[in-house]
């Protein structure tokens, strides 16, 4: 008897497909996806920001935040300090010029090499993985900084911390 993919009613999985097929409309209104889910959905109106690793690392560093592991938290008390740094960067092109870069398309880990399969003796030419960097313009940086300003303003107004990963 397979019950792993059946919905939960009031936090309890039905014992069989037959039991679930006997549910009423009222029963189905109390269905959740799993036992620990109460069926409610929380929707946030908080802005979010999505950055490529290279952009995130550059912006975090520019804002004086740790960019080594690309995850962290900014306490609610520190949001105004970082907002000040952000506003300076948005108004001084010199402070963000290091974020502008040309795109690149290259192979990581060097040139082509011949690898011989020890089981078959067949030779294969391989290269490192292909890396494509789309580059970054100052306009793109300003759009990203604007999105971060919106996020920090929201956090500041609500007294919230900001986390990234």
Protein backbone atom coordinates (compact mmCIF):
# COMPACT_ATOMS: atom_id res chain seq x y z
CA UNK A 1 0.00 0.00 0.00
CA UNK A 2 1.55 3.32 -1.13
CA UNK A 3 0.83 6.34 1.09
CA UNK A 4 3.99 8.43 0.62
CA UNK A 5 2.45 10.72 -2.01
CA UNK A 6 -1.00 11.09 -0.54
CA UNK A 7 -2.07 14.42 0.92
CA UNK A 8 -2.43 14.89 4.66
CA UNK A 9 -5.75 15.61 6.35
CA UNK A 10 -5.40 17.51 9.65
CA UNK A 11 -1.73 16.49 9.77
CA UNK A 12 -2.44 12.77 9.35
CA UNK A 13 -1.78 10.82 6.15
CA UNK A 14 -4.69 8.69 4.91
CA UNK A 15 -4.19 4.98 5.30
CA UNK A 16 -5.05 4.26 1.69
CA UNK A 17 -6.07 5.73 -1.64
CA UNK A 18 -9.58 4.44 -0.93
CA UNK A 19 -9.72 6.44 2.30
CA UNK A 20 -8.65 9.61 0.48
CA UNK A 21 -11.18 9.03 -2.29
CA UNK A 22 -13.96 9.04 0.32
CA UNK A 23 -13.08 12.53 1.56
CA UNK A 24 -15.73 15.23 1.32
CA UNK A 25 -15.20 18.77 0.01
CA UNK A 26 -14.86 19.89 3.64
CA UNK A 27 -12.13 17.27 4.16
CA UNK A 28 -10.25 18.49 1.08
CA UNK A 29 -10.36 22.06 2.43
CA UNK A 30 -8.27 20.85 5.40
CA UNK A 31 -5.64 19.06 3.29
CA UNK A 32 -1.96 19.95 3.61
CA UNK A 33 1.12 18.79 1.79
CA UNK A 34 2.71 17.10 4.79
CA UNK A 35 2.17 16.47 8.47
CA UNK A 36 4.13 19.49 9.71
CA UNK A 37 2.40 21.91 7.31
CA UNK A 38 -0.78 23.55 8.58
CA UNK A 39 -1.95 24.43 5.07
CA UNK A 40 -1.45 28.18 5.38
CA UNK A 41 0.68 30.07 2.92
CA UNK A 42 2.72 33.06 4.04
CA UNK A 43 3.32 35.66 1.38
CA UNK A 44 5.86 38.40 1.92
CA UNK A 45 5.76 41.78 0.28
CA UNK A 46 9.45 42.29 1.11
CA UNK A 47 11.60 43.08 -1.91
CA UNK A 48 14.24 40.55 -2.86
CA UNK A 49 17.48 40.81 -4.76
CA UNK A 50 19.07 38.10 -6.86
CA UNK A 51 22.70 38.54 -7.95
CA UNK A 52 25.31 36.45 -9.72
CA UNK A 53 28.18 35.45 -7.45
CA UNK A 54 30.65 37.88 -9.02
CA UNK A 55 28.23 40.81 -8.67
CA UNK A 56 27.28 39.84 -5.12
CA UNK A 57 30.91 39.56 -4.04
CA UNK A 58 31.79 42.95 -5.52
CA UNK A 59 28.79 44.75 -4.03
CA UNK A 60 29.15 43.14 -0.59
CA UNK A 61 32.81 44.16 -0.52
CA UNK A 62 31.98 47.70 -1.63
CA UNK A 63 29.45 47.94 1.21
CA UNK A 64 32.05 46.79 3.74
CA UNK A 65 30.43 43.39 4.29
CA UNK A 66 32.10 39.98 4.34
CA UNK A 67 31.96 38.52 0.85
CA UNK A 68 34.15 35.46 1.36
CA UNK A 69 31.44 32.82 1.69
CA UNK A 70 28.57 34.77 0.07
CA UNK A 71 26.25 34.34 3.02
CA UNK A 72 25.65 36.50 6.03
CA UNK A 73 23.30 38.65 8.03
CA UNK A 74 22.99 42.36 8.58
CA UNK A 75 21.35 43.21 11.89
CA UNK A 76 18.53 45.75 11.97
CA UNK A 77 20.87 48.09 13.86
CA UNK A 78 23.46 47.94 11.05
CA UNK A 79 21.02 48.58 8.18
CA UNK A 80 21.35 52.43 8.39
CA UNK A 81 25.18 52.24 8.31
CA UNK A 82 25.15 50.07 5.20
CA UNK A 83 22.46 52.27 3.64
CA UNK A 84 24.83 55.25 4.01
CA UNK A 85 27.60 53.35 2.23
CA UNK A 86 25.15 52.35 -0.48
CA UNK A 87 24.03 55.95 -1.04
CA UNK A 88 27.64 57.10 -1.33
CA UNK A 89 28.36 54.37 -3.89
CA UNK A 90 25.26 55.28 -5.87
CA UNK A 91 26.37 58.91 -6.03
CA UNK A 92 30.11 58.40 -6.63
CA UNK A 93 30.90 56.54 -9.84
CA UNK A 94 34.51 56.20 -8.65
CA UNK A 95 33.36 53.97 -5.75
CA UNK A 96 31.71 51.44 -8.06
CA UNK A 97 34.03 51.48 -11.10
CA UNK A 98 35.69 48.23 -9.93
CA UNK A 99 32.38 46.44 -10.56
CA UNK A 100 32.43 47.19 -14.30
CA UNK A 101 33.95 44.35 -16.30
CA UNK A 102 33.91 43.03 -19.85
CA UNK A 103 32.30 39.72 -20.58
CA UNK A 104 34.45 36.65 -21.08
CA UNK A 105 34.09 33.18 -22.55
CA UNK A 106 36.92 30.83 -21.66
CA UNK A 107 37.81 27.39 -20.41
CA UNK A 108 38.83 27.09 -16.81
CA UNK A 109 41.74 24.90 -15.77
CA UNK A 110 43.88 25.43 -18.82
CA UNK A 111 44.13 24.23 -22.37
CA UNK A 112 43.09 21.00 -24.00
CA UNK A 113 44.68 17.80 -22.69
CA UNK A 114 44.60 14.21 -23.88
CA UNK A 115 43.20 11.77 -21.33
CA UNK A 116 43.49 8.03 -21.91
CA UNK A 117 40.77 5.81 -20.44
CA UNK A 118 42.60 3.07 -18.45
CA UNK A 119 39.88 0.49 -19.19
CA UNK A 120 39.51 0.96 -22.93
CA UNK A 121 42.79 2.61 -23.88
CA UNK A 122 40.85 5.21 -25.87
CA UNK A 123 42.18 8.74 -25.87
CA UNK A 124 39.88 11.70 -25.36
CA UNK A 125 40.68 15.38 -25.74
CA UNK A 126 39.24 17.35 -22.86
CA UNK A 127 39.31 20.91 -21.70
CA UNK A 128 38.41 22.46 -18.41
CA UNK A 129 34.84 23.58 -17.89
CA UNK A 130 33.57 26.41 -20.03
CA UNK A 131 33.02 29.63 -18.07
CA UNK A 132 30.93 32.43 -19.51
CA UNK A 133 30.87 35.77 -17.71
CA UNK A 134 28.32 38.18 -19.14
CA UNK A 135 30.24 41.19 -17.82
CA UNK A 136 28.77 44.12 -15.97
CA UNK A 137 28.12 47.74 -16.93
CA UNK A 138 27.70 50.71 -14.62
CA UNK A 139 24.00 50.85 -15.60
CA UNK A 140 23.55 47.26 -14.45
CA UNK A 141 25.35 48.05 -11.20
CA UNK A 142 23.08 51.04 -10.58
CA UNK A 143 19.96 48.87 -11.14
CA UNK A 144 21.28 46.34 -8.64
CA UNK A 145 22.15 49.03 -6.12
CA UNK A 146 18.65 50.48 -6.54
CA UNK A 147 17.14 47.09 -5.75
CA UNK A 148 19.36 46.78 -2.69
CA UNK A 149 18.34 50.30 -1.60
CA UNK A 150 14.68 49.23 -1.84
CA UNK A 151 15.42 46.13 0.25
CA UNK A 152 17.36 48.09 2.90
CA UNK A 153 14.64 50.76 3.08
CA UNK A 154 12.02 48.07 3.65
CA UNK A 155 14.17 46.45 6.35
CA UNK A 156 14.87 49.79 8.02
CA UNK A 157 11.20 50.84 8.03
CA UNK A 158 10.16 47.50 9.55
CA UNK A 159 13.11 47.14 11.93
CA UNK A 160 14.19 43.90 10.25
CA UNK A 161 17.55 42.26 9.69
CA UNK A 162 18.70 41.28 6.19
CA UNK A 163 20.13 37.87 5.30
CA UNK A 164 21.78 36.67 2.13
CA UNK A 165 23.02 33.38 0.78
